[in-house]
């Protein structure tokens, strides 16, 4: 799935107070957005009806892409996938699991937890199946301001030294570029700190 850049050409032109050639601006924003998404492990852009298979096996399942959006136009479907060709089970919120933010918690056991559920799910009640399929919407309708600030800063670095030169000179004029402007723009420590709240590092769920 191809995701749009996290800022527009108009945003970049306004940020720079100039008008860049559109292909140059689009490439710079595309590269900057890829850096941010790679670091945060998040798509960030709103996506409706995405199908994601995640690992279960615990009581709490965390949706890998956030924020999770659930409303009348964006339903959440949760399916425990049957093992080895077994039956899939579509779960009901409030009955089979509870939802708090991006966390889905399997229902509490009604009896001793060493007693197994009946056919076809012979496992402890209150624990997610090994694999769970989510059909959900997630992300932001508009790029958060702090994320856009980082994207525009990276894109600005990309357009300031497109060829990745260490230094250049014209007649009597010469300039030496800072290390961070050589080659592709990279996130610095301050920018990583800005993005840390969006980073998926705290999640234990992995895409299957």
N, C-alpha and C. Protein backbone atom coordinates (compact mmCIF):
# COMPACT_ATOMS: atom_id res chain seq x y z
N UNK A 1 0.85 -1.19 0.00
CA UNK A 1 0.00 0.00 0.00
C UNK A 1 0.89 1.25 0.00
N UNK A 2 0.63 2.13 -0.96
CA UNK A 2 1.40 3.37 -1.06
C UNK A 2 0.73 4.44 -0.22
N UNK A 3 1.49 5.01 0.70
CA UNK A 3 0.95 6.04 1.59
C UNK A 3 1.37 7.42 1.10
N UNK A 4 0.53 8.42 1.27
CA UNK A 4 0.89 9.78 0.84
C UNK A 4 1.93 10.37 1.79
N UNK A 5 2.70 11.35 1.33
CA UNK A 5 3.64 12.04 2.22
C UNK A 5 2.90 12.66 3.40
N UNK A 6 3.63 12.87 4.48
CA UNK A 6 3.05 13.40 5.71
C UNK A 6 2.96 14.93 5.71
N UNK A 7 3.34 15.56 4.63
CA UNK A 7 3.17 17.00 4.43
C UNK A 7 3.01 17.23 2.93
N UNK A 8 2.46 18.36 2.54
CA UNK A 8 2.23 18.65 1.14
C UNK A 8 3.32 19.56 0.58
N UNK A 9 3.35 19.64 -0.74
CA UNK A 9 4.28 20.57 -1.39
C UNK A 9 4.00 22.00 -0.94
N UNK A 10 2.73 22.34 -0.80
CA UNK A 10 2.37 23.69 -0.33
C UNK A 10 2.91 23.94 1.08
N UNK A 11 2.85 22.92 1.94
CA UNK A 11 3.40 23.05 3.29
C UNK A 11 4.89 23.33 3.24
N UNK A 12 5.61 22.61 2.38
CA UNK A 12 7.06 22.78 2.28
C UNK A 12 7.41 24.15 1.71
N UNK A 13 6.68 24.58 0.70
CA UNK A 13 6.94 25.91 0.12
C UNK A 13 6.70 27.01 1.14
N UNK A 14 5.64 26.86 1.92
CA UNK A 14 5.36 27.85 2.96
C UNK A 14 6.45 27.84 4.02
N UNK A 15 6.89 26.66 4.39
CA UNK A 15 7.95 26.51 5.39
C UNK A 15 9.25 27.18 4.91
N UNK A 16 9.56 27.02 3.63
CA UNK A 16 10.80 27.58 3.07
C UNK A 16 10.62 29.01 2.58
N UNK A 17 9.37 29.45 2.48
CA UNK A 17 9.05 30.78 1.95
C UNK A 17 9.63 30.95 0.54
N UNK A 18 9.46 29.92 -0.25
CA UNK A 18 9.87 29.95 -1.64
C UNK A 18 9.03 28.93 -2.38
N UNK A 19 9.20 28.86 -3.69
CA UNK A 19 8.47 27.88 -4.49
C UNK A 19 9.48 26.94 -5.15
N UNK A 20 9.44 25.69 -4.74
CA UNK A 20 10.35 24.68 -5.29
C UNK A 20 9.73 24.04 -6.53
N UNK A 21 10.55 23.52 -7.43
CA UNK A 21 9.99 22.69 -8.50
C UNK A 21 9.23 21.52 -7.88
N UNK A 22 8.03 21.25 -8.37
CA UNK A 22 7.17 20.24 -7.76
C UNK A 22 7.83 18.87 -7.65
N UNK A 23 8.48 18.34 -8.70
CA UNK A 23 9.11 17.02 -8.55
C UNK A 23 10.17 16.99 -7.45
N UNK A 24 10.93 18.05 -7.30
CA UNK A 24 11.96 18.13 -6.27
C UNK A 24 11.32 18.12 -4.88
N UNK A 25 10.27 18.90 -4.71
CA UNK A 25 9.59 18.97 -3.41
C UNK A 25 8.93 17.64 -3.07
N UNK A 26 8.29 17.02 -4.06
CA UNK A 26 7.61 15.74 -3.81
C UNK A 26 8.61 14.66 -3.39
N UNK A 27 9.77 14.61 -4.05
CA UNK A 27 10.78 13.61 -3.70
C UNK A 27 11.31 13.85 -2.28
N UNK A 28 11.57 15.11 -1.95
CA UNK A 28 12.09 15.43 -0.62
C UNK A 28 11.08 15.04 0.46
N UNK A 29 9.80 15.30 0.25
CA UNK A 29 8.77 14.94 1.22
C UNK A 29 8.57 13.44 1.32
N UNK A 30 8.67 12.76 0.18
CA UNK A 30 8.52 11.31 0.18
C UNK A 30 9.63 10.66 1.01
N UNK A 31 10.86 11.12 0.83
CA UNK A 31 11.99 10.57 1.57
C UNK A 31 11.89 10.91 3.05
N UNK A 32 11.49 12.13 3.37
CA UNK A 32 11.36 12.53 4.77
C UNK A 32 10.26 11.73 5.47
N UNK A 33 9.14 11.54 4.79
CA UNK A 33 8.03 10.78 5.37
C UNK A 33 8.43 9.33 5.61
N UNK A 34 9.20 8.77 4.70
CA UNK A 34 9.66 7.39 4.87
C UNK A 34 10.55 7.26 6.10
N UNK A 35 11.40 8.26 6.36
CA UNK A 35 12.26 8.24 7.54
C UNK A 35 11.41 8.22 8.82
N UNK A 36 10.39 9.07 8.86
CA UNK A 36 9.55 9.17 10.05
C UNK A 36 8.78 7.88 10.26
N UNK A 37 8.22 7.33 9.20
CA UNK A 37 7.45 6.09 9.33
C UNK A 37 8.34 4.92 9.72
N UNK A 38 9.55 4.89 9.20
CA UNK A 38 10.48 3.82 9.55
C UNK A 38 10.85 3.87 11.02
N UNK A 39 11.07 5.07 11.54
CA UNK A 39 11.46 5.21 12.95
C UNK A 39 10.29 4.89 13.89
N UNK A 40 9.12 5.40 13.58
CA UNK A 40 7.97 5.21 14.47
C UNK A 40 7.31 3.84 14.28
N UNK A 41 7.55 3.20 13.14
CA UNK A 41 6.89 1.94 12.79
C UNK A 41 5.37 2.13 12.72
N UNK A 42 4.98 3.33 12.36
CA UNK A 42 3.57 3.68 12.25
C UNK A 42 3.28 4.28 10.88
N UNK A 43 2.07 4.00 10.35
CA UNK A 43 1.68 4.60 9.08
C UNK A 43 1.31 6.07 9.27
N UNK A 44 0.74 6.40 10.42
CA UNK A 44 0.35 7.75 10.83
C UNK A 44 -0.86 8.26 10.02
N UNK A 45 -0.81 8.16 8.70
CA UNK A 45 -1.93 8.59 7.86
C UNK A 45 -3.15 7.71 8.13
N UNK A 46 -4.33 8.32 8.15
CA UNK A 46 -5.56 7.57 8.39
C UNK A 46 -5.78 6.53 7.30
N UNK A 47 -6.09 5.31 7.73
CA UNK A 47 -6.37 4.20 6.82
C UNK A 47 -7.65 3.52 7.29
N UNK A 48 -8.62 3.37 6.41
CA UNK A 48 -9.91 2.78 6.77
C UNK A 48 -9.96 1.32 6.35
N UNK A 49 -10.53 0.48 7.21
CA UNK A 49 -10.79 -0.91 6.86
C UNK A 49 -9.54 -1.72 6.56
N UNK A 50 -8.47 -1.47 7.28
CA UNK A 50 -7.22 -2.20 7.07
C UNK A 50 -7.33 -3.60 7.68
N UNK A 51 -6.78 -4.60 7.01
CA UNK A 51 -6.75 -5.97 7.54
C UNK A 51 -5.35 -6.28 8.06
N UNK A 52 -5.26 -6.60 9.35
CA UNK A 52 -3.98 -6.85 9.99
C UNK A 52 -4.05 -8.16 10.76
N UNK A 53 -3.12 -9.07 10.51
CA UNK A 53 -3.00 -10.29 11.29
C UNK A 53 -1.93 -10.08 12.35
N UNK A 54 -2.27 -10.37 13.60
CA UNK A 54 -1.33 -10.16 14.71
C UNK A 54 -1.19 -11.43 15.52
N UNK A 55 -0.11 -11.52 16.28
CA UNK A 55 0.10 -12.63 17.19
C UNK A 55 -0.72 -12.43 18.45
N UNK A 56 -1.36 -13.49 18.91
CA UNK A 56 -2.12 -13.46 20.16
C UNK A 56 -1.36 -14.19 21.25
N UNK A 57 -2.09 -15.06 21.98
CA UNK A 57 -1.44 -15.89 22.99
C UNK A 57 -1.41 -15.30 24.38
N UNK A 58 -1.80 -14.03 24.56
CA UNK A 58 -1.86 -13.40 25.88
C UNK A 58 -3.28 -12.90 26.14
N UNK A 59 -3.50 -12.36 27.33
CA UNK A 59 -4.82 -11.82 27.65
C UNK A 59 -5.05 -10.49 26.96
N UNK A 60 -3.98 -9.70 26.79
CA UNK A 60 -4.10 -8.36 26.20
C UNK A 60 -3.49 -8.36 24.81
N UNK A 61 -4.22 -7.84 23.86
CA UNK A 61 -3.75 -7.71 22.48
C UNK A 61 -3.71 -6.22 22.15
N UNK A 62 -2.58 -5.74 21.70
CA UNK A 62 -2.43 -4.33 21.37
C UNK A 62 -2.46 -4.15 19.85
N UNK A 63 -3.32 -3.28 19.39
CA UNK A 63 -3.43 -3.03 17.95
C UNK A 63 -2.13 -2.39 17.49
N UNK A 64 -1.46 -2.95 16.47
CA UNK A 64 -0.13 -2.46 16.10
C UNK A 64 -0.09 -1.07 15.51
N UNK A 65 -1.14 -0.65 14.80
CA UNK A 65 -1.18 0.70 14.23
C UNK A 65 -2.12 1.55 15.06
N UNK A 66 -1.69 2.74 15.43
CA UNK A 66 -2.51 3.59 16.28
C UNK A 66 -2.55 5.02 15.76
N UNK A 67 -3.52 5.82 16.22
CA UNK A 67 -4.59 5.42 17.12
C UNK A 67 -5.65 4.58 16.42
N UNK A 68 -6.25 3.67 17.17
CA UNK A 68 -7.36 2.88 16.66
C UNK A 68 -8.59 3.78 16.58
N UNK A 69 -9.28 3.75 15.44
CA UNK A 69 -10.47 4.58 15.23
C UNK A 69 -11.67 3.66 15.11
N UNK A 70 -12.59 3.78 16.06
CA UNK A 70 -13.81 2.96 16.04
C UNK A 70 -15.01 3.88 16.24
N UNK A 71 -15.87 3.94 15.24
CA UNK A 71 -17.10 4.73 15.33
C UNK A 71 -18.10 4.16 14.34
N UNK A 72 -19.19 4.88 14.13
CA UNK A 72 -20.23 4.37 13.25
C UNK A 72 -19.76 4.11 11.82
N UNK A 73 -18.81 4.89 11.37
CA UNK A 73 -18.30 4.73 10.01
C UNK A 73 -17.09 3.80 9.93
N UNK A 74 -16.53 3.49 11.09
CA UNK A 74 -15.31 2.67 11.13
C UNK A 74 -15.47 1.57 12.17
N UNK A 75 -16.16 0.48 11.79
CA UNK A 75 -16.35 -0.62 12.74
C UNK A 75 -15.05 -1.40 12.95
N UNK A 76 -14.99 -2.09 14.05
CA UNK A 76 -13.86 -2.96 14.37
C UNK A 76 -14.33 -4.41 14.31
N UNK A 77 -13.66 -5.22 13.50
CA UNK A 77 -13.95 -6.65 13.42
C UNK A 77 -12.75 -7.42 13.95
N UNK A 78 -13.00 -8.32 14.90
CA UNK A 78 -11.94 -9.10 15.53
C UNK A 78 -12.25 -10.58 15.33
N UNK A 79 -11.33 -11.31 14.69
CA UNK A 79 -11.54 -12.72 14.38
C UNK A 79 -10.37 -13.53 14.90
N UNK A 80 -10.65 -14.51 15.76
CA UNK A 80 -9.62 -15.47 16.16
C UNK A 80 -9.53 -16.53 15.07
N UNK A 81 -8.33 -16.72 14.54
CA UNK A 81 -8.14 -17.64 13.43
C UNK A 81 -7.93 -19.06 13.96
N UNK A 82 -8.64 -20.01 13.38
CA UNK A 82 -8.53 -21.40 13.81
C UNK A 82 -7.19 -22.00 13.45
N UNK A 83 -6.66 -22.83 14.32
CA UNK A 83 -5.38 -23.49 14.08
C UNK A 83 -5.57 -24.70 13.16
N UNK A 84 -4.63 -24.86 12.22
CA UNK A 84 -4.58 -26.06 11.37
C UNK A 84 -5.92 -26.33 10.69
N UNK A 85 -6.49 -25.28 10.13
CA UNK A 85 -7.75 -25.44 9.40
C UNK A 85 -8.98 -25.45 10.28
N UNK A 86 -8.83 -25.13 11.58
CA UNK A 86 -9.98 -25.08 12.47
C UNK A 86 -10.87 -23.90 12.15
N UNK A 87 -11.98 -23.80 12.86
CA UNK A 87 -12.96 -22.76 12.59
C UNK A 87 -12.48 -21.40 13.10
N UNK A 88 -12.74 -20.37 12.30
CA UNK A 88 -12.48 -19.01 12.75
C UNK A 88 -13.65 -18.55 13.62
N UNK A 89 -13.36 -17.68 14.59
CA UNK A 89 -14.39 -17.22 15.51
C UNK A 89 -14.39 -15.71 15.55
N UNK A 90 -15.50 -15.10 15.10
CA UNK A 90 -15.66 -13.64 15.17
C UNK A 90 -16.16 -13.26 16.56
N UNK A 91 -15.45 -12.35 17.22
CA UNK A 91 -15.74 -12.01 18.60
C UNK A 91 -16.59 -10.74 18.70
N UNK A 92 -17.27 -10.61 19.83
CA UNK A 92 -18.15 -9.47 20.08
C UNK A 92 -17.58 -8.63 21.22
N UNK A 93 -17.40 -7.34 20.96
CA UNK A 93 -16.89 -6.45 22.00
C UNK A 93 -17.90 -6.36 23.14
N UNK A 94 -17.39 -6.38 24.36
CA UNK A 94 -18.24 -6.32 25.53
C UNK A 94 -18.69 -7.67 26.03
N UNK A 95 -18.58 -8.68 25.15
CA UNK A 95 -18.93 -10.04 25.55
C UNK A 95 -17.69 -10.93 25.59
N UNK A 96 -16.95 -10.92 24.48
CA UNK A 96 -15.75 -11.75 24.38
C UNK A 96 -14.48 -11.00 24.75
N UNK A 97 -14.50 -9.69 24.61
CA UNK A 97 -13.33 -8.88 24.94
C UNK A 97 -13.77 -7.47 25.28
N UNK A 98 -12.90 -6.74 25.95
CA UNK A 98 -13.14 -5.33 26.22
C UNK A 98 -12.09 -4.50 25.50
N UNK A 99 -12.42 -3.27 25.18
CA UNK A 99 -11.50 -2.39 24.45
C UNK A 99 -11.25 -1.14 25.27
N UNK A 100 -9.98 -0.82 25.45
CA UNK A 100 -9.59 0.41 26.11
C UNK A 100 -8.47 1.03 25.28
N UNK A 101 -8.79 2.10 24.56
CA UNK A 101 -7.80 2.69 23.66
C UNK A 101 -7.41 1.71 22.58
N UNK A 102 -6.12 1.37 22.52
CA UNK A 102 -5.61 0.45 21.51
C UNK A 102 -5.43 -0.96 22.06
N UNK A 103 -5.91 -1.22 23.28
CA UNK A 103 -5.75 -2.53 23.91
C UNK A 103 -7.06 -3.29 23.92
N UNK A 104 -7.01 -4.54 23.48
CA UNK A 104 -8.16 -5.43 23.50
C UNK A 104 -7.86 -6.55 24.51
N UNK A 105 -8.71 -6.66 25.52
CA UNK A 105 -8.49 -7.64 26.58
C UNK A 105 -9.52 -8.75 26.48
N UNK A 106 -9.03 -9.98 26.38
CA UNK A 106 -9.92 -11.15 26.27
C UNK A 106 -10.72 -11.28 27.56
N UNK A 107 -11.95 -11.82 27.42
CA UNK A 107 -12.85 -11.92 28.56
C UNK A 107 -12.27 -12.68 29.73
N UNK A 108 -12.65 -12.27 30.93
CA UNK A 108 -12.19 -12.96 32.14
C UNK A 108 -12.77 -14.38 32.16
N UNK A 109 -12.02 -15.32 32.71
CA UNK A 109 -12.54 -16.69 32.81
C UNK A 109 -13.71 -16.76 33.79
N UNK A 110 -14.68 -17.59 33.48
CA UNK A 110 -15.83 -17.77 34.36
C UNK A 110 -15.63 -18.93 35.31
N UNK A 111 -14.50 -19.66 35.17
CA UNK A 111 -14.22 -20.80 36.02
C UNK A 111 -12.72 -20.93 36.14
N UNK A 112 -12.25 -21.96 36.79
CA UNK A 112 -10.82 -22.12 37.01
C UNK A 112 -10.06 -22.01 35.70
N UNK A 113 -8.96 -21.25 35.71
CA UNK A 113 -8.24 -20.99 34.47
C UNK A 113 -7.50 -22.20 33.93
N UNK A 114 -7.42 -23.29 34.69
CA UNK A 114 -6.78 -24.49 34.16
C UNK A 114 -7.79 -25.38 33.42
N UNK A 115 -9.06 -24.93 33.42
CA UNK A 115 -10.07 -25.66 32.66
C UNK A 115 -10.09 -25.12 31.24
N UNK A 116 -10.14 -26.01 30.25
CA UNK A 116 -10.05 -25.60 28.86
C UNK A 116 -11.43 -25.34 28.27
N UNK A 117 -11.46 -24.43 27.28
CA UNK A 117 -12.70 -24.18 26.55
C UNK A 117 -13.06 -25.40 25.72
N UNK A 118 -14.33 -25.51 25.34
CA UNK A 118 -14.79 -26.65 24.56
C UNK A 118 -14.42 -26.55 23.09
N UNK A 119 -14.83 -27.55 22.32
CA UNK A 119 -14.55 -27.62 20.89
C UNK A 119 -15.09 -26.37 20.22
N UNK A 120 -14.40 -25.79 19.21
CA UNK A 120 -13.12 -26.29 18.67
C UNK A 120 -11.91 -25.59 19.28
N UNK A 121 -12.08 -24.89 20.40
CA UNK A 121 -10.98 -24.10 20.95
C UNK A 121 -10.55 -24.69 22.29
N UNK A 122 -9.72 -25.68 22.26
CA UNK A 122 -9.26 -26.32 23.48
C UNK A 122 -8.08 -25.57 24.06
N UNK A 123 -8.37 -24.44 24.65
CA UNK A 123 -7.33 -23.65 25.28
C UNK A 123 -7.96 -22.89 26.46
N UNK A 124 -7.10 -22.30 27.27
CA UNK A 124 -7.58 -21.62 28.46
C UNK A 124 -8.42 -20.41 28.08
N UNK A 125 -9.58 -20.31 28.70
CA UNK A 125 -10.44 -19.16 28.44
C UNK A 125 -9.80 -17.90 28.99
N UNK A 126 -10.00 -16.78 28.30
CA UNK A 126 -9.41 -15.53 28.73
C UNK A 126 -8.08 -15.24 28.08
N UNK A 127 -7.65 -16.10 27.12
CA UNK A 127 -6.39 -15.91 26.40
C UNK A 127 -6.69 -15.87 24.91
N UNK A 128 -6.11 -14.92 24.21
CA UNK A 128 -6.33 -14.81 22.77
C UNK A 128 -5.78 -16.03 22.04
N UNK A 129 -6.41 -16.35 20.92
CA UNK A 129 -5.89 -17.41 20.05
C UNK A 129 -4.49 -17.05 19.58
N UNK A 130 -3.71 -18.02 19.11
CA UNK A 130 -2.35 -17.71 18.64
C UNK A 130 -2.31 -16.67 17.53
N UNK A 131 -3.35 -16.62 16.69
CA UNK A 131 -3.39 -15.63 15.62
C UNK A 131 -4.75 -14.95 15.61
N UNK A 132 -4.73 -13.64 15.46
CA UNK A 132 -5.97 -12.86 15.46
C UNK A 132 -5.95 -11.93 14.26
N UNK A 133 -7.08 -11.85 13.57
CA UNK A 133 -7.21 -10.94 12.42
C UNK A 133 -8.07 -9.75 12.82
N UNK A 134 -7.53 -8.56 12.58
CA UNK A 134 -8.25 -7.33 12.86
C UNK A 134 -8.60 -6.65 11.54
N UNK A 135 -9.83 -6.22 11.42
CA UNK A 135 -10.24 -5.35 10.31
C UNK A 135 -10.64 -4.04 10.98
N UNK A 136 -9.79 -3.03 10.80
CA UNK A 136 -9.96 -1.82 11.60
C UNK A 136 -9.48 -0.59 10.84
N UNK A 137 -9.84 0.56 11.38
CA UNK A 137 -9.35 1.84 10.86
C UNK A 137 -8.40 2.44 11.89
N UNK A 138 -7.39 3.13 11.41
CA UNK A 138 -6.38 3.67 12.32
C UNK A 138 -5.69 4.87 11.68
N UNK A 139 -5.03 5.65 12.53
CA UNK A 139 -4.24 6.78 12.03
C UNK A 139 -4.95 8.11 12.24
N UNK A 140 -4.35 9.16 11.69
CA UNK A 140 -4.81 10.54 11.87
C UNK A 140 -5.36 11.09 10.55
N UNK A 141 -6.49 11.76 10.65
CA UNK A 141 -7.06 12.41 9.47
C UNK A 141 -6.14 13.53 8.98
N UNK A 142 -5.48 14.21 9.91
CA UNK A 142 -4.50 15.24 9.58
C UNK A 142 -3.20 14.93 10.32
N UNK A 143 -2.07 15.15 9.66
CA UNK A 143 -0.78 14.89 10.27
C UNK A 143 -0.60 15.76 11.51
N UNK A 144 -0.28 15.17 12.67
CA UNK A 144 -0.04 15.99 13.87
C UNK A 144 1.05 17.02 13.62
N UNK A 145 0.91 18.17 14.26
CA UNK A 145 1.84 19.28 14.02
C UNK A 145 3.29 18.90 14.31
N UNK A 146 3.53 18.18 15.42
CA UNK A 146 4.92 17.85 15.75
C UNK A 146 5.53 16.88 14.75
N UNK A 147 4.70 15.99 14.19
CA UNK A 147 5.20 15.08 13.15
C UNK A 147 5.50 15.87 11.88
N UNK A 148 4.62 16.79 11.52
CA UNK A 148 4.84 17.59 10.31
C UNK A 148 6.10 18.44 10.44
N UNK A 149 6.35 18.98 11.65
CA UNK A 149 7.57 19.78 11.86
C UNK A 149 8.82 18.97 11.52
N UNK A 150 8.85 17.73 11.96
CA UNK A 150 10.01 16.86 11.69
C UNK A 150 10.12 16.56 10.20
N UNK A 151 9.00 16.26 9.57
CA UNK A 151 9.01 15.96 8.14
C UNK A 151 9.51 17.16 7.34
N UNK A 152 9.04 18.34 7.65
CA UNK A 152 9.46 19.54 6.92
C UNK A 152 10.93 19.83 7.15
N UNK A 153 11.42 19.59 8.37
CA UNK A 153 12.84 19.81 8.65
C UNK A 153 13.70 18.85 7.84
N UNK A 154 13.29 17.58 7.78
CA UNK A 154 14.05 16.60 6.99
C UNK A 154 13.99 16.93 5.50
N UNK A 155 12.80 17.31 5.03
CA UNK A 155 12.65 17.65 3.61
C UNK A 155 13.49 18.86 3.26
N UNK A 156 13.58 19.83 4.16
CA UNK A 156 14.41 21.02 3.92
C UNK A 156 15.87 20.63 3.76
N UNK A 157 16.33 19.71 4.60
CA UNK A 157 17.71 19.23 4.48
C UNK A 157 17.91 18.51 3.16
N UNK A 158 16.93 17.73 2.75
CA UNK A 158 17.04 17.00 1.49
C UNK A 158 17.18 17.95 0.30
N UNK A 159 16.42 19.04 0.27
CA UNK A 159 16.48 19.94 -0.89
C UNK A 159 17.67 20.89 -0.80
N UNK A 160 18.29 21.03 0.38
CA UNK A 160 19.43 21.94 0.50
C UNK A 160 20.71 21.34 -0.07
N UNK A 161 20.72 20.02 -0.23
CA UNK A 161 21.93 19.36 -0.74
C UNK A 161 21.52 18.10 -1.48
N UNK A 162 20.86 18.28 -2.60
CA UNK A 162 20.30 17.15 -3.34
C UNK A 162 21.33 16.13 -3.78
N UNK A 163 22.54 16.58 -4.10
CA UNK A 163 23.55 15.68 -4.62
C UNK A 163 24.38 15.03 -3.52
N UNK A 164 24.13 15.39 -2.26
CA UNK A 164 24.88 14.78 -1.17
C UNK A 164 26.34 15.19 -1.15
N UNK A 165 26.63 16.41 -1.55
CA UNK A 165 28.01 16.88 -1.62
C UNK A 165 28.54 17.21 -0.22
N UNK A 166 29.83 16.94 -0.01
CA UNK A 166 30.47 17.33 1.25
C UNK A 166 30.85 18.80 1.21
N UNK A 167 31.25 19.27 0.02
CA UNK A 167 31.56 20.68 -0.16
C UNK A 167 31.47 21.00 -1.65
N UNK A 168 31.34 22.26 -1.98
CA UNK A 168 31.33 22.68 -3.37
C UNK A 168 31.83 24.13 -3.45
N UNK A 169 32.32 24.49 -4.62
CA UNK A 169 32.83 25.85 -4.80
C UNK A 169 32.53 26.33 -6.20
N UNK A 170 32.24 27.61 -6.29
CA UNK A 170 32.01 28.27 -7.58
C UNK A 170 32.85 29.55 -7.58
N UNK A 171 33.84 29.61 -8.47
CA UNK A 171 34.76 30.74 -8.52
C UNK A 171 35.37 30.95 -7.13
N UNK A 172 35.14 32.14 -6.55
CA UNK A 172 35.72 32.43 -5.23
C UNK A 172 34.81 32.02 -4.07
N UNK A 173 33.65 31.47 -4.40
CA UNK A 173 32.70 31.10 -3.35
C UNK A 173 32.80 29.60 -3.07
N UNK A 174 32.83 29.22 -1.81
CA UNK A 174 32.85 27.81 -1.44
C UNK A 174 31.98 27.61 -0.21
N UNK A 175 31.44 26.41 -0.08
CA UNK A 175 30.62 26.06 1.07
C UNK A 175 30.90 24.62 1.45
N UNK A 176 30.96 24.35 2.75
CA UNK A 176 31.11 23.00 3.28
C UNK A 176 29.85 22.67 4.06
N UNK A 177 29.22 21.56 3.69
CA UNK A 177 27.96 21.20 4.32
C UNK A 177 28.20 20.46 5.63
N UNK A 178 27.28 20.67 6.58
CA UNK A 178 27.35 19.92 7.83
C UNK A 178 27.13 18.44 7.54
N UNK A 179 27.61 17.59 8.44
CA UNK A 179 27.52 16.14 8.23
C UNK A 179 26.09 15.68 8.00
N UNK A 180 25.12 16.30 8.75
CA UNK A 180 23.75 15.82 8.64
C UNK A 180 23.10 16.17 7.31
N UNK A 181 23.74 17.02 6.49
CA UNK A 181 23.15 17.35 5.19
C UNK A 181 23.79 16.55 4.06
N UNK A 182 24.74 15.68 4.40
CA UNK A 182 25.40 14.88 3.37
C UNK A 182 24.58 13.62 3.13
N UNK A 183 24.14 13.42 1.88
CA UNK A 183 23.31 12.27 1.57
C UNK A 183 21.89 12.46 2.08
N UNK A 184 21.19 11.34 2.30
CA UNK A 184 19.81 11.41 2.78
C UNK A 184 19.75 12.02 4.16
N UNK A 185 18.75 12.87 4.39
CA UNK A 185 18.57 13.48 5.71
C UNK A 185 18.18 12.40 6.71
N UNK A 186 18.82 12.44 7.87
CA UNK A 186 18.56 11.47 8.93
C UNK A 186 18.00 12.17 10.15
N UNK A 187 17.21 11.43 10.92
CA UNK A 187 16.66 11.99 12.14
C UNK A 187 17.77 12.23 13.16
N UNK A 188 17.77 13.41 13.77
CA UNK A 188 18.72 13.66 14.84
C UNK A 188 18.06 13.34 16.18
N UNK A 189 18.79 13.50 17.25
CA UNK A 189 18.29 13.12 18.58
C UNK A 189 17.05 13.91 18.96
N UNK A 190 17.07 15.22 18.73
CA UNK A 190 15.92 16.04 19.09
C UNK A 190 14.67 15.62 18.32
N UNK A 191 14.84 15.30 17.05
CA UNK A 191 13.70 14.88 16.24
C UNK A 191 13.17 13.52 16.70
N UNK A 192 14.07 12.62 17.08
CA UNK A 192 13.65 11.32 17.61
C UNK A 192 12.87 11.52 18.92
N UNK A 193 13.32 12.45 19.73
CA UNK A 193 12.60 12.74 20.97
C UNK A 193 11.20 13.25 20.67
N UNK A 194 11.07 14.08 19.63
CA UNK A 194 9.75 14.60 19.24
C UNK A 194 8.81 13.47 18.82
N UNK A 195 9.37 12.45 18.19
CA UNK A 195 8.56 11.36 17.62
C UNK A 195 8.37 10.19 18.58
N UNK A 196 9.04 10.23 19.73
CA UNK A 196 9.05 9.05 20.59
C UNK A 196 7.65 8.63 21.03
N UNK A 197 6.76 9.60 21.23
CA UNK A 197 5.41 9.26 21.65
C UNK A 197 4.61 8.51 20.59
N UNK A 198 5.06 8.58 19.33
CA UNK A 198 4.36 7.88 18.25
C UNK A 198 5.00 6.53 17.94
N UNK A 199 6.15 6.27 18.50
CA UNK A 199 6.92 5.08 18.18
C UNK A 199 6.26 3.83 18.75
N UNK A 200 6.33 2.73 18.00
CA UNK A 200 5.67 1.50 18.40
C UNK A 200 6.54 0.63 19.31
N UNK A 201 7.61 1.18 19.84
CA UNK A 201 8.56 0.37 20.61
C UNK A 201 7.96 -0.32 21.81
N UNK A 202 6.91 0.27 22.41
CA UNK A 202 6.33 -0.32 23.62
C UNK A 202 5.40 -1.47 23.32
N UNK A 203 5.09 -1.71 22.04
CA UNK A 203 4.13 -2.75 21.70
C UNK A 203 4.80 -4.11 21.68
N UNK A 204 4.12 -5.13 22.16
CA UNK A 204 4.66 -6.49 22.13
C UNK A 204 4.09 -7.28 20.96
N UNK A 205 3.12 -6.69 20.25
CA UNK A 205 2.49 -7.39 19.14
C UNK A 205 3.33 -7.21 17.89
N UNK A 206 3.49 -8.29 17.11
CA UNK A 206 4.21 -8.21 15.85
C UNK A 206 3.29 -8.64 14.73
N UNK A 207 3.49 -8.03 13.55
CA UNK A 207 2.72 -8.43 12.39
C UNK A 207 3.10 -9.83 11.98
N UNK A 208 2.11 -10.64 11.65
CA UNK A 208 2.41 -12.02 11.24
C UNK A 208 2.67 -12.09 9.75
